[in-house]
Amino acid sequence: MRQRIEDVATFQAKSYNAQVSFTSEVGYPATINDDAAVQVAVASIKRHFGEGAVSQLAVPMMFSEDFSFMLNKVPGAYVLIGNGDSSGLHSTTYDFNDDILVRGAAFFYNLARDHFA
């Protein structure tokens, strides 16, 4: 894709007797959950928080996350704990819901106990 964009821009620039140069940086890899890890997380959530505590996305989201580097090395699952109504992440108007801190910590505690016990 990058090569095609560079080719099109180069030929367009030539048509105007102009030159163009490119610098590209590779970003983050895709965040792709391991199915088995998702099942472990979902089972733990249902066990400790009830069936209604899990809601799986109907359509995959395009996350670009540091965690994706770890998922390239170790199977895992990127899980959202639910912040409620707020602006999107990395926004100046984002408001973290402090009320979910205990639930989030309990999720990780229970997941570790369920998985490693």
PDB file of N, CA and C in Angstrom:
ATOM      1  N   MET A   1       0.822  -1.184   0.000  1.00  0.00           N
ATOM      2  CA  MET A   1       0.000   0.000   0.000  1.00  0.00           C
ATOM      3  C   MET A   1       0.872   1.255   0.000  1.00  0.00           C
ATOM      4  N   ARG A   2       1.915   1.218   0.865  1.00  0.00           N
ATOM      5  CA  ARG A   2       2.808   2.386   0.898  1.00  0.00           C
ATOM      6  C   ARG A   2       3.480   2.610  -0.455  1.00  0.00           C
ATOM      7  N   GLN A   3       3.920   1.507  -1.079  1.00  0.00           N
ATOM      8  CA  GLN A   3       4.590   1.631  -2.374  1.00  0.00           C
ATOM      9  C   GLN A   3       3.645   2.216  -3.416  1.00  0.00           C
ATOM     10  N   ARG A   4       2.400   1.779  -3.406  1.00  0.00           N
ATOM     11  CA  ARG A   4       1.413   2.270  -4.379  1.00  0.00           C
ATOM     12  C   ARG A   4       1.157   3.765  -4.176  1.00  0.00           C
ATOM     13  N   ILE A   5       1.033   4.192  -2.922  1.00  0.00           N
ATOM     14  CA  ILE A   5       0.822   5.616  -2.636  1.00  0.00           C
ATOM     15  C   ILE A   5       2.017   6.427  -3.107  1.00  0.00           C
ATOM     16  N   GLU A   6       3.209   5.909  -2.860  1.00  0.00           N
ATOM     17  CA  GLU A   6       4.424   6.601  -3.289  1.00  0.00           C
ATOM     18  C   GLU A   6       4.483   6.697  -4.814  1.00  0.00           C
ATOM     19  N   ASP A   7       4.134   5.611  -5.504  1.00  0.00           N
ATOM     20  CA  ASP A   7       4.135   5.614  -6.974  1.00  0.00           C
ATOM     21  C   ASP A   7       3.160   6.644  -7.529  1.00  0.00           C
ATOM     22  N   VAL A   8       1.938   6.645  -7.015  1.00  0.00           N
ATOM     23  CA  VAL A   8       0.911   7.577  -7.512  1.00  0.00           C
ATOM     24  C   VAL A   8       1.342   9.021  -7.260  1.00  0.00           C
ATOM     25  N   ALA A   9       1.827   9.309  -6.048  1.00  0.00           N
ATOM     26  CA  ALA A   9       2.251  10.671  -5.726  1.00  0.00           C
ATOM     27  C   ALA A   9       3.444  11.103  -6.577  1.00  0.00           C
ATOM     28  N   THR A  10       4.376  10.189  -6.816  1.00  0.00           N
ATOM     29  CA  THR A  10       5.552  10.499  -7.627  1.00  0.00           C
ATOM     30  C   THR A  10       5.147  10.840  -9.054  1.00  0.00           C
ATOM     31  N   PHE A  11       4.286  10.035  -9.656  1.00  0.00           N
ATOM     32  CA  PHE A  11       3.847  10.297 -11.026  1.00  0.00           C
ATOM     33  C   PHE A  11       3.005  11.568 -11.108  1.00  0.00           C
ATOM     34  N   GLN A  12       2.189  11.831 -10.095  1.00  0.00           N
ATOM     35  CA  GLN A  12       1.405  13.066 -10.079  1.00  0.00           C
ATOM     36  C   GLN A  12       2.332  14.272  -9.980  1.00  0.00           C
ATOM     37  N   ALA A  13       3.332  14.177  -9.137  1.00  0.00           N
ATOM     38  CA  ALA A  13       4.291  15.277  -9.002  1.00  0.00           C
ATOM     39  C   ALA A  13       5.024  15.512 -10.310  1.00  0.00           C
ATOM     40  N   LYS A  14       5.447  14.441 -10.986  1.00  0.00           N
ATOM     41  CA  LYS A  14       6.141  14.574 -12.271  1.00  0.00           C
ATOM     42  C   LYS A  14       5.274  15.282 -13.299  1.00  0.00           C
ATOM     43  N   SER A  15       3.963  15.043 -13.250  1.00  0.00           N
ATOM     44  CA  SER A  15       3.072  15.682 -14.230  1.00  0.00           C
ATOM     45  C   SER A  15       3.046  17.198 -14.048  1.00  0.00           C
ATOM     46  N   TYR A  16       3.477  17.689 -12.892  1.00  0.00           N
ATOM     47  CA  TYR A  16       3.553  19.126 -12.627  1.00  0.00           C
ATOM     48  C   TYR A  16       4.998  19.600 -12.529  1.00  0.00           C
ATOM     49  N   ASN A  17       5.931  18.792 -13.027  1.00  0.00           N
ATOM     50  CA  ASN A  17       7.361  19.111 -12.938  1.00  0.00           C
ATOM     51  C   ASN A  17       7.785  19.382 -11.487  1.00  0.00           C
ATOM     52  N   ALA A  18       7.265  18.594 -10.595  1.00  0.00           N
ATOM     53  CA  ALA A  18       7.595  18.740  -9.179  1.00  0.00           C
ATOM     54  C   ALA A  18       8.244  17.451  -8.686  1.00  0.00           C
ATOM     55  N   GLN A  19       8.773  17.523  -7.504  1.00  0.00           N
ATOM     56  CA  GLN A  19       9.357  16.339  -6.878  1.00  0.00           C
ATOM     57  C   GLN A  19       8.682  16.112  -5.535  1.00  0.00           C
ATOM     58  N   VAL A  20       8.697  14.878  -5.117  1.00  0.00           N
ATOM     59  CA  VAL A  20       8.107  14.523  -3.834  1.00  0.00           C
ATOM     60  C   VAL A  20       9.043  13.549  -3.137  1.00  0.00           C
ATOM     61  N   SER A  21       9.099  13.615  -1.827  1.00  0.00           N
ATOM     62  CA  SER A  21       9.897  12.652  -1.070  1.00  0.00           C
ATOM     63  C   SER A  21       9.022  12.068   0.042  1.00  0.00           C
ATOM     64  N   PHE A  22       9.416  10.911   0.525  1.00  0.00           N
ATOM     65  CA  PHE A  22       8.603  10.182   1.490  1.00  0.00           C
ATOM     66  C   PHE A  22       9.427   9.741   2.679  1.00  0.00           C
ATOM     67  N   THR A  23       8.788   9.777   3.803  1.00  0.00           N
ATOM     68  CA  THR A  23       9.313   9.178   5.011  1.00  0.00           C
ATOM     69  C   THR A  23       8.153   8.415   5.626  1.00  0.00           C
ATOM     70  N   SER A  24       8.368   7.159   5.911  1.00  0.00           N
ATOM     71  CA  SER A  24       7.282   6.401   6.531  1.00  0.00           C
ATOM     72  C   SER A  24       7.800   5.698   7.764  1.00  0.00           C
ATOM     73  N   GLU A  25       6.924   5.566   8.714  1.00  0.00           N
ATOM     74  CA  GLU A  25       7.262   4.884   9.958  1.00  0.00           C
ATOM     75  C   GLU A  25       6.250   3.770  10.160  1.00  0.00           C
ATOM     76  N   VAL A  26       6.748   2.630  10.563  1.00  0.00           N
ATOM     77  CA  VAL A  26       5.867   1.520  10.858  1.00  0.00           C
ATOM     78  C   VAL A  26       5.340   1.718  12.267  1.00  0.00           C
ATOM     79  N   GLY A  27       4.027   1.624  12.426  1.00  0.00           N
ATOM     80  CA  GLY A  27       3.413   1.838  13.729  1.00  0.00           C
ATOM     81  C   GLY A  27       3.276   0.546  14.503  1.00  0.00           C
ATOM     82  N   TYR A  28       2.184   0.399  15.132  1.00  0.00           N
ATOM     83  CA  TYR A  28       1.914  -0.758  15.974  1.00  0.00           C
ATOM     84  C   TYR A  28       1.309  -1.894  15.161  1.00  0.00           C
ATOM     85  N   PRO A  29       1.612  -3.122  15.538  1.00  0.00           N
ATOM     86  CA  PRO A  29       0.950  -4.244  14.864  1.00  0.00           C
ATOM     87  C   PRO A  29      -0.508  -4.321  15.310  1.00  0.00           C
ATOM     88  N   ALA A  30      -1.304  -5.055  14.578  1.00  0.00           N
ATOM     89  CA  ALA A  30      -2.704  -5.236  14.940  1.00  0.00           C
ATOM     90  C   ALA A  30      -2.802  -5.957  16.281  1.00  0.00           C
ATOM     91  N   THR A  31      -3.803  -5.609  17.060  1.00  0.00           N
ATOM     92  CA  THR A  31      -4.068  -6.265  18.341  1.00  0.00           C
ATOM     93  C   THR A  31      -5.036  -7.405  18.080  1.00  0.00           C
ATOM     94  N   ILE A  32      -4.516  -8.620  18.081  1.00  0.00           N
ATOM     95  CA  ILE A  32      -5.335  -9.797  17.758  1.00  0.00           C
ATOM     96  C   ILE A  32      -5.330 -10.738  18.948  1.00  0.00           C
ATOM     97  N   ASN A  33      -6.523 -10.923  19.522  1.00  0.00           N
ATOM     98  CA  ASN A  33      -6.664 -11.798  20.690  1.00  0.00           C
ATOM     99  C   ASN A  33      -6.517 -13.260  20.314  1.00  0.00           C
ATOM    100  N   ASP A  34      -5.993 -14.039  21.252  1.00  0.00           N
ATOM    101  CA  ASP A  34      -5.931 -15.485  21.139  1.00  0.00           C
ATOM    102  C   ASP A  34      -7.274 -16.044  21.611  1.00  0.00           C
ATOM    103  N   ASP A  35      -7.916 -16.884  20.802  1.00  0.00           N
ATOM    104  CA  ASP A  35      -9.250 -17.404  21.132  1.00  0.00           C
ATOM    105  C   ASP A  35      -9.287 -18.112  22.480  1.00  0.00           C
ATOM    106  N   ALA A  36      -8.285 -18.929  22.776  1.00  0.00           N
ATOM    107  CA  ALA A  36      -8.252 -19.652  24.045  1.00  0.00           C
ATOM    108  C   ALA A  36      -8.133 -18.680  25.222  1.00  0.00           C
ATOM    109  N   ALA A  37      -7.336 -17.640  25.073  1.00  0.00           N
ATOM    110  CA  ALA A  37      -7.178 -16.648  26.143  1.00  0.00           C
ATOM    111  C   ALA A  37      -8.475 -15.880  26.360  1.00  0.00           C
ATOM    112  N   VAL A  38      -9.186 -15.606  25.291  1.00  0.00           N
ATOM    113  CA  VAL A  38     -10.492 -14.940  25.412  1.00  0.00           C
ATOM    114  C   VAL A  38     -11.453 -15.825  26.199  1.00  0.00           C
ATOM    115  N   GLN A  39     -11.461 -17.113  25.891  1.00  0.00           N
ATOM    116  CA  GLN A  39     -12.348 -18.039  26.600  1.00  0.00           C
ATOM    117  C   GLN A  39     -12.022 -18.089  28.088  1.00  0.00           C
ATOM    118  N   VAL A  40     -10.739 -18.080  28.435  1.00  0.00           N
ATOM    119  CA  VAL A  40     -10.332 -18.079  29.841  1.00  0.00           C
ATOM    120  C   VAL A  40     -10.826 -16.805  30.534  1.00  0.00           C
ATOM    121  N   ALA A  41     -10.635 -15.665  29.889  1.00  0.00           N
ATOM    122  CA  ALA A  41     -11.070 -14.388  30.479  1.00  0.00           C
ATOM    123  C   ALA A  41     -12.589 -14.341  30.628  1.00  0.00           C
ATOM    124  N   VAL A  42     -13.310 -14.749  29.601  1.00  0.00           N
ATOM    125  CA  VAL A  42     -14.773 -14.730  29.641  1.00  0.00           C
ATOM    126  C   VAL A  42     -15.288 -15.648  30.749  1.00  0.00           C
ATOM    127  N   ALA A  43     -14.717 -16.844  30.865  1.00  0.00           N
ATOM    128  CA  ALA A  43     -15.143 -17.782  31.906  1.00  0.00           C
ATOM    129  C   ALA A  43     -14.928 -17.180  33.294  1.00  0.00           C
ATOM    130  N   SER A  44     -13.799 -16.524  33.507  1.00  0.00           N
ATOM    131  CA  SER A  44     -13.506 -15.914  34.795  1.00  0.00           C
ATOM    132  C   SER A  44     -14.469 -14.768  35.093  1.00  0.00           C
ATOM    133  N   ILE A  45     -14.731 -13.958  34.107  1.00  0.00           N
ATOM    134  CA  ILE A  45     -15.664 -12.834  34.293  1.00  0.00           C
ATOM    135  C   ILE A  45     -17.048 -13.358  34.667  1.00  0.00           C
ATOM    136  N   LYS A  46     -17.532 -14.342  33.921  1.00  0.00           N
ATOM    137  CA  LYS A  46     -18.868 -14.896  34.199  1.00  0.00           C
ATOM    138  C   LYS A  46     -18.915 -15.523  35.586  1.00  0.00           C
ATOM    139  N   ARG A  47     -17.862 -16.210  35.963  1.00  0.00           N
ATOM    140  CA  ARG A  47     -17.818 -16.887  37.258  1.00  0.00           C
ATOM    141  C   ARG A  47     -17.906 -15.906  38.422  1.00  0.00           C
ATOM    142  N   HIS A  48     -17.194 -14.780  38.303  1.00  0.00           N
ATOM    143  CA  HIS A  48     -17.098 -13.850  39.428  1.00  0.00           C
ATOM    144  C   HIS A  48     -18.044 -12.656  39.356  1.00  0.00           C
ATOM    145  N   PHE A  49     -18.484 -12.308  38.155  1.00  0.00           N
ATOM    146  CA  PHE A  49     -19.324 -11.115  38.005  1.00  0.00           C
ATOM    147  C   PHE A  49     -20.699 -11.413  37.407  1.00  0.00           C
ATOM    148  N   GLY A  50     -20.915 -12.660  36.977  1.00  0.00           N
ATOM    149  CA  GLY A  50     -22.215 -13.033  36.422  1.00  0.00           C
ATOM    150  C   GLY A  50     -22.230 -13.030  34.903  1.00  0.00           C
ATOM    151  N   GLU A  51     -23.212 -13.746  34.357  1.00  0.00           N
ATOM    152  CA  GLU A  51     -23.347 -13.884  32.895  1.00  0.00           C
ATOM    153  C   GLU A  51     -23.472 -12.540  32.194  1.00  0.00           C
ATOM    154  N   GLY A  52     -24.201 -11.626  32.812  1.00  0.00           N
ATOM    155  CA  GLY A  52     -24.453 -10.331  32.180  1.00  0.00           C
ATOM    156  C   GLY A  52     -23.262  -9.393  32.162  1.00  0.00           C
ATOM    157  N   ALA A  53     -22.176  -9.781  32.794  1.00  0.00           N
ATOM    158  CA  ALA A  53     -20.998  -8.909  32.866  1.00  0.00           C
ATOM    159  C   ALA A  53     -20.146  -8.964  31.612  1.00  0.00           C
ATOM    160  N   VAL A  54     -20.438  -9.908  30.729  1.00  0.00           N
ATOM    161  CA  VAL A  54     -19.649 -10.049  29.500  1.00  0.00           C
ATOM    162  C   VAL A  54     -20.483  -9.611  28.322  1.00  0.00           C
ATOM    163  N   SER A  55     -19.900  -8.777  27.519  1.00  0.00           N
ATOM    164  CA  SER A  55     -20.531  -8.400  26.266  1.00  0.00           C
ATOM    165  C   SER A  55     -19.437  -8.362  25.210  1.00  0.00           C
ATOM    166  N   GLN A  56     -19.538  -9.281  24.276  1.00  0.00           N
ATOM    167  CA  GLN A  56     -18.515  -9.349  23.233  1.00  0.00           C
ATOM    168  C   GLN A  56     -18.907  -8.433  22.073  1.00  0.00           C
ATOM    169  N   LEU A  57     -17.936  -7.821  21.475  1.00  0.00           N
ATOM    170  CA  LEU A  57     -18.178  -6.880  20.387  1.00  0.00           C
ATOM    171  C   LEU A  57     -18.762  -7.598  19.174  1.00  0.00           C
ATOM    172  N   ALA A  58     -19.799  -7.022  18.605  1.00  0.00           N
ATOM    173  CA  ALA A  58     -20.412  -7.604  17.409  1.00  0.00           C
ATOM    174  C   ALA A  58     -19.490  -7.426  16.203  1.00  0.00           C
ATOM    175  N   VAL A  59     -18.774  -6.326  16.192  1.00  0.00           N
ATOM    176  CA  VAL A  59     -17.865  -6.009  15.092  1.00  0.00           C
ATOM    177  C   VAL A  59     -16.489  -5.731  15.699  1.00  0.00           C
ATOM    178  N   PRO A  60     -15.436  -6.339  15.174  1.00  0.00           N
ATOM    179  CA  PRO A  60     -14.096  -6.079  15.719  1.00  0.00           C
ATOM    180  C   PRO A  60     -13.740  -4.593  15.658  1.00  0.00           C
ATOM    181  N   MET A  61     -13.000  -4.133  16.650  1.00  0.00           N
ATOM    182  CA  MET A  61     -12.520  -2.750  16.664  1.00  0.00           C
ATOM    183  C   MET A  61     -11.067  -2.746  16.215  1.00  0.00           C
ATOM    184  N   MET A  62     -10.652  -1.658  15.623  1.00  0.00           N
ATOM    185  CA  MET A  62      -9.279  -1.547  15.150  1.00  0.00           C
ATOM    186  C   MET A  62      -8.431  -0.885  16.223  1.00  0.00           C
ATOM    187  N   PHE A  63      -7.960  -1.683  17.175  1.00  0.00           N
ATOM    188  CA  PHE A  63      -7.098  -1.179  18.227  1.00  0.00           C
ATOM    189  C   PHE A  63      -5.667  -1.118  17.731  1.00  0.00           C
ATOM    190  N   SER A  64      -5.002  -0.054  18.070  1.00  0.00           N
ATOM    191  CA  SER A  64      -3.572   0.065  17.839  1.00  0.00           C
ATOM    192  C   SER A  64      -2.978   0.312  19.217  1.00  0.00           C
ATOM    193  N   GLU A  65      -2.483  -0.726  19.804  1.00  0.00           N
ATOM    194  CA  GLU A  65      -2.163  -0.691  21.220  1.00  0.00           C
ATOM    195  C   GLU A  65      -0.792  -1.305  21.484  1.00  0.00           C
ATOM    196  N   ASP A  66      -0.064  -0.786  22.482  1.00  0.00           N
ATOM    197  CA  ASP A  66       1.230  -1.350  22.863  1.00  0.00           C
ATOM    198  C   ASP A  66       1.106  -2.843  23.168  1.00  0.00           C
ATOM    199  N   PHE A  67      -0.027  -3.237  23.725  1.00  0.00           N
ATOM    200  CA  PHE A  67      -0.261  -4.625  24.108  1.00  0.00           C
ATOM    201  C   PHE A  67      -0.112  -5.566  22.913  1.00  0.00           C
ATOM    202  N   SER A  68      -0.296  -5.052  21.711  1.00  0.00           N
ATOM    203  CA  SER A  68      -0.171  -5.892  20.512  1.00  0.00           C
ATOM    204  C   SER A  68       1.240  -6.470  20.371  1.00  0.00           C
ATOM    205  N   PHE A  69       2.259  -5.747  20.839  1.00  0.00           N
ATOM    206  CA  PHE A  69       3.622  -6.278  20.782  1.00  0.00           C
ATOM    207  C   PHE A  69       3.737  -7.528  21.658  1.00  0.00           C
ATOM    208  N   MET A  70       3.093  -7.496  22.836  1.00  0.00           N
ATOM    209  CA  MET A  70       3.122  -8.661  23.708  1.00  0.00           C
ATOM    210  C   MET A  70       2.339  -9.809  23.075  1.00  0.00           C
ATOM    211  N   LEU A  71       1.180  -9.507  22.476  1.00  0.00           N
ATOM    212  CA  LEU A  71       0.371 -10.556  21.856  1.00  0.00           C
ATOM    213  C   LEU A  71       1.086 -11.224  20.680  1.00  0.00           C
ATOM    214  N   ASN A  72       2.058 -10.561  20.108  1.00  0.00           N
ATOM    215  CA  ASN A  72       2.857 -11.185  19.044  1.00  0.00           C
ATOM    216  C   ASN A  72       3.824 -12.218  19.609  1.00  0.00           C
ATOM    217  N   LYS A  73       4.097 -12.144  20.899  1.00  0.00           N
ATOM    218  CA  LYS A  73       5.045 -13.057  21.534  1.00  0.00           C
ATOM    219  C   LYS A  73       4.358 -14.104  22.416  1.00  0.00           C
ATOM    220  N   VAL A  74       3.269 -13.695  23.081  1.00  0.00           N
ATOM    221  CA  VAL A  74       2.588 -14.552  24.055  1.00  0.00           C
ATOM    222  C   VAL A  74       1.080 -14.488  23.795  1.00  0.00           C
ATOM    223  N   PRO A  75       0.409 -15.634  23.725  1.00  0.00           N
ATOM    224  CA  PRO A  75      -1.042 -15.598  23.529  1.00  0.00           C
ATOM    225  C   PRO A  75      -1.719 -14.863  24.687  1.00  0.00           C
ATOM    226  N   GLY A  76      -2.695 -14.049  24.374  1.00  0.00           N
ATOM    227  CA  GLY A  76      -3.394 -13.289  25.406  1.00  0.00           C
ATOM    228  C   GLY A  76      -4.665 -12.689  24.855  1.00  0.00           C
ATOM    229  N   ALA A  77      -5.308 -11.870  25.673  1.00  0.00           N
ATOM    230  CA  ALA A  77      -6.556 -11.228  25.270  1.00  0.00           C
ATOM    231  C   ALA A  77      -6.590  -9.795  25.788  1.00  0.00           C
ATOM    232  N   TYR A  78      -6.917  -8.881  24.925  1.00  0.00           N
ATOM    233  CA  TYR A  78      -7.109  -7.482  25.274  1.00  0.00           C
ATOM    234  C   TYR A  78      -8.571  -7.332  25.655  1.00  0.00           C
ATOM    235  N   VAL A  79      -8.829  -7.019  26.915  1.00  0.00           N
ATOM    236  CA  VAL A  79     -10.191  -6.985  27.448  1.00  0.00           C
ATOM    237  C   VAL A  79     -10.515  -5.568  27.900  1.00  0.00           C
ATOM    238  N   LEU A  80     -11.698  -5.102  27.549  1.00  0.00           N
ATOM    239  CA  LEU A  80     -12.164  -3.791  28.011  1.00  0.00           C
ATOM    240  C   LEU A  80     -13.027  -4.002  29.248  1.00  0.00           C
ATOM    241  N   ILE A  81     -12.844  -3.180  30.269  1.00  0.00           N
ATOM    242  CA  ILE A  81     -13.634  -3.364  31.477  1.00  0.00           C
ATOM    243  C   ILE A  81     -14.841  -2.437  31.534  1.00  0.00           C
ATOM    244  N   GLY A  82     -14.966  -1.535  30.594  1.00  0.00           N
ATOM    245  CA  GLY A  82     -16.152  -0.681  30.524  1.00  0.00           C
ATOM    246  C   GLY A  82     -16.028   0.564  31.377  1.00  0.00           C
ATOM    247  N   ASN A  83     -15.930   1.686  30.744  1.00  0.00           N
ATOM    248  CA  ASN A  83     -15.779   2.959  31.433  1.00  0.00           C
ATOM    249  C   ASN A  83     -17.101   3.712  31.544  1.00  0.00           C
ATOM    250  N   GLY A  84     -18.126   3.279  30.817  1.00  0.00           N
ATOM    251  CA  GLY A  84     -19.377   4.030  30.790  1.00  0.00           C
ATOM    252  C   GLY A  84     -19.296   5.140  29.761  1.00  0.00           C
ATOM    253  N   ASP A  85     -20.174   6.102  29.887  1.00  0.00           N
ATOM    254  CA  ASP A  85     -20.230   7.213  28.929  1.00  0.00           C
ATOM    255  C   ASP A  85     -19.077   8.179  29.159  1.00  0.00           C
ATOM    256  N   SER A  86     -18.288   8.377  28.117  1.00  0.00           N
ATOM    257  CA  SER A  86     -17.175   9.313  28.177  1.00  0.00           C
ATOM    258  C   SER A  86     -16.702   9.556  26.754  1.00  0.00           C
ATOM    259  N   SER A  87     -15.822  10.494  26.606  1.00  0.00           N
ATOM    260  CA  SER A  87     -15.184  10.721  25.312  1.00  0.00           C
ATOM    261  C   SER A  87     -14.254   9.559  25.013  1.00  0.00           C
ATOM    262  N   GLY A  88     -13.789   9.473  23.786  1.00  0.00           N
ATOM    263  CA  GLY A  88     -12.847   8.426  23.413  1.00  0.00           C
ATOM    264  C   GLY A  88     -11.524   8.577  24.149  1.00  0.00           C
ATOM    265  N   LEU A  89     -10.795   7.464  24.206  1.00  0.00           N
ATOM    266  CA  LEU A  89      -9.474   7.495  24.829  1.00  0.00           C
ATOM    267  C   LEU A  89      -8.578   8.505  24.131  1.00  0.00           C
ATOM    268  N   HIS A  90      -7.582   8.975  24.810  1.00  0.00           N
ATOM    269  CA  HIS A  90      -6.583   9.901  24.271  1.00  0.00           C
ATOM    270  C   HIS A  90      -7.222  11.217  23.821  1.00  0.00           C
ATOM    271  N   SER A  91      -8.323  11.574  24.465  1.00  0.00           N
ATOM    272  CA  SER A  91      -9.007  12.830  24.181  1.00  0.00           C
ATOM    273  C   SER A  91      -8.853  13.730  25.401  1.00  0.00           C
ATOM    274  N   THR A  92      -8.792  15.028  25.179  1.00  0.00           N
ATOM    275  CA  THR A  92      -8.664  15.952  26.311  1.00  0.00           C
ATOM    276  C   THR A  92      -9.924  15.974  27.164  1.00  0.00           C
ATOM    277  N   THR A  93     -11.031  15.443  26.632  1.00  0.00           N
ATOM    278  CA  THR A  93     -12.281  15.430  27.394  1.00  0.00           C
ATOM    279  C   THR A  93     -12.597  14.054  27.977  1.00  0.00           C
ATOM    280  N   TYR A  94     -11.657  13.086  27.849  1.00  0.00           N
ATOM    281  CA  TYR A  94     -11.880  11.753  28.407  1.00  0.00           C
ATOM    282  C   TYR A  94     -11.930  11.852  29.927  1.00  0.00           C
ATOM    283  N   ASP A  95     -12.868  11.158  30.524  1.00  0.00           N
ATOM    284  CA  ASP A  95     -13.015  11.158  31.979  1.00  0.00           C
ATOM    285  C   ASP A  95     -13.039   9.719  32.468  1.00  0.00           C
ATOM    286  N   PHE A  96     -11.944   9.277  33.071  1.00  0.00           N
ATOM    287  CA  PHE A  96     -11.870   7.908  33.571  1.00  0.00           C
ATOM    288  C   PHE A  96     -12.846   7.742  34.725  1.00  0.00           C
ATOM    289  N   ASN A  97     -13.573   6.640  34.700  1.00  0.00           N
ATOM    290  CA  ASN A  97     -14.546   6.321  35.735  1.00  0.00           C
ATOM    291  C   ASN A  97     -13.833   5.632  36.899  1.00  0.00           C
ATOM    292  N   ASP A  98     -13.525   6.386  37.938  1.00  0.00           N
ATOM    293  CA  ASP A  98     -12.804   5.840  39.095  1.00  0.00           C
ATOM    294  C   ASP A  98     -13.562   4.709  39.779  1.00  0.00           C
ATOM    295  N   ASP A  99     -14.871   4.660  39.607  1.00  0.00           N
ATOM    296  CA  ASP A  99     -15.675   3.613  40.246  1.00  0.00           C
ATOM    297  C   ASP A  99     -15.368   2.217  39.720  1.00  0.00           C
ATOM    298  N   ILE A 100     -14.704   2.105  38.576  1.00  0.00           N
ATOM    299  CA  ILE A 100     -14.406   0.774  38.027  1.00  0.00           C
ATOM    300  C   ILE A 100     -13.028   0.246  38.444  1.00  0.00           C
ATOM    301  N   LEU A 101     -12.287   1.029  39.215  1.00  0.00           N
ATOM    302  CA  LEU A 101     -10.945   0.597  39.621  1.00  0.00           C
ATOM    303  C   LEU A 101     -10.981  -0.701  40.424  1.00  0.00           C
ATOM    304  N   VAL A 102     -11.864  -0.794  41.391  1.00  0.00           N
ATOM    305  CA  VAL A 102     -11.942  -2.000  42.220  1.00  0.00           C
ATOM    306  C   VAL A 102     -12.350  -3.194  41.366  1.00  0.00           C
ATOM    307  N   ARG A 103     -13.331  -3.007  40.501  1.00  0.00           N
ATOM    308  CA  ARG A 103     -13.790  -4.088  39.620  1.00  0.00           C
ATOM    309  C   ARG A 103     -12.668  -4.538  38.678  1.00  0.00           C
ATOM    310  N   GLY A 104     -11.914  -3.594  38.146  1.00  0.00           N
ATOM    311  CA  GLY A 104     -10.800  -3.938  37.263  1.00  0.00           C
ATOM    312  C   GLY A 104      -9.723  -4.724  37.986  1.00  0.00           C
ATOM    313  N   ALA A 105      -9.373  -4.291  39.188  1.00  0.00           N
ATOM    314  CA  ALA A 105      -8.372  -5.011  39.975  1.00  0.00           C
ATOM    315  C   ALA A 105      -8.884  -6.407  40.333  1.00  0.00           C
ATOM    316  N   ALA A 106     -10.173  -6.492  40.674  1.00  0.00           N
ATOM    317  CA  ALA A 106     -10.765  -7.792  41.012  1.00  0.00           C
ATOM    318  C   ALA A 106     -10.747  -8.722  39.799  1.00  0.00           C
ATOM    319  N   PHE A 107     -10.964  -8.170  38.623  1.00  0.00           N
ATOM    320  CA  PHE A 107     -10.915  -8.983  37.405  1.00  0.00           C
ATOM    321  C   PHE A 107      -9.540  -9.645  37.264  1.00  0.00           C
ATOM    322  N   PHE A 108      -8.483  -8.858  37.377  1.00  0.00           N
ATOM    323  CA  PHE A 108      -7.135  -9.408  37.204  1.00  0.00           C
ATOM    324  C   PHE A 108      -6.784 -10.392  38.324  1.00  0.00           C
ATOM    325  N   TYR A 109      -7.175 -10.078  39.535  1.00  0.00           N
ATOM    326  CA  TYR A 109      -6.936 -10.978  40.664  1.00  0.00           C
ATOM    327  C   TYR A 109      -7.631 -12.317  40.422  1.00  0.00           C
ATOM    328  N   ASN A 110      -8.911 -12.271  40.087  1.00  0.00           N
ATOM    329  CA  ASN A 110      -9.690 -13.497  39.865  1.00  0.00           C
ATOM    330  C   ASN A 110      -9.164 -14.271  38.660  1.00  0.00           C
ATOM    331  N   LEU A 111      -8.801 -13.584  37.617  1.00  0.00           N
ATOM    332  CA  LEU A 111      -8.270 -14.232  36.423  1.00  0.00           C
ATOM    333  C   LEU A 111      -6.992 -15.002  36.766  1.00  0.00           C
ATOM    334  N   ALA A 112      -6.105 -14.384  37.516  1.00  0.00           N
ATOM    335  CA  ALA A 112      -4.854 -15.056  37.903  1.00  0.00           C
ATOM    336  C   ALA A 112      -5.141 -16.267  38.785  1.00  0.00           C
ATOM    337  N   ARG A 113      -6.023 -16.115  39.739  1.00  0.00           N
ATOM    338  CA  ARG A 113      -6.359 -17.245  40.622  1.00  0.00           C
ATOM    339  C   ARG A 113      -7.024 -18.370  39.850  1.00  0.00           C
ATOM    340  N   ASP A 114      -7.950 -18.042  38.963  1.00  0.00           N
ATOM    341  CA  ASP A 114      -8.650 -19.073  38.180  1.00  0.00           C
ATOM    342  C   ASP A 114      -7.696 -19.796  37.245  1.00  0.00           C
ATOM    343  N   HIS A 115      -6.820 -19.055  36.637  1.00  0.00           N
ATOM    344  CA  HIS A 115      -5.956 -19.628  35.602  1.00  0.00           C
ATOM    345  C   HIS A 115      -4.774 -20.389  36.180  1.00  0.00           C
ATOM    346  N   PHE A 116      -4.236 -19.909  37.303  1.00  0.00           N
ATOM    347  CA  PHE A 116      -3.015 -20.515  37.836  1.00  0.00           C
ATOM    348  C   PHE A 116      -3.243 -21.397  39.063  1.00  0.00           C
ATOM    349  N   ALA A 117      -4.493 -21.472  39.521  1.00  0.00           N
ATOM    350  CA  ALA A 117      -4.775 -22.290  40.716  1.00  0.00           C
ATOM    351  C   ALA A 117      -4.841 -23.764  40.348  1.00  0.00           C
TER     352      ALA A 117
END
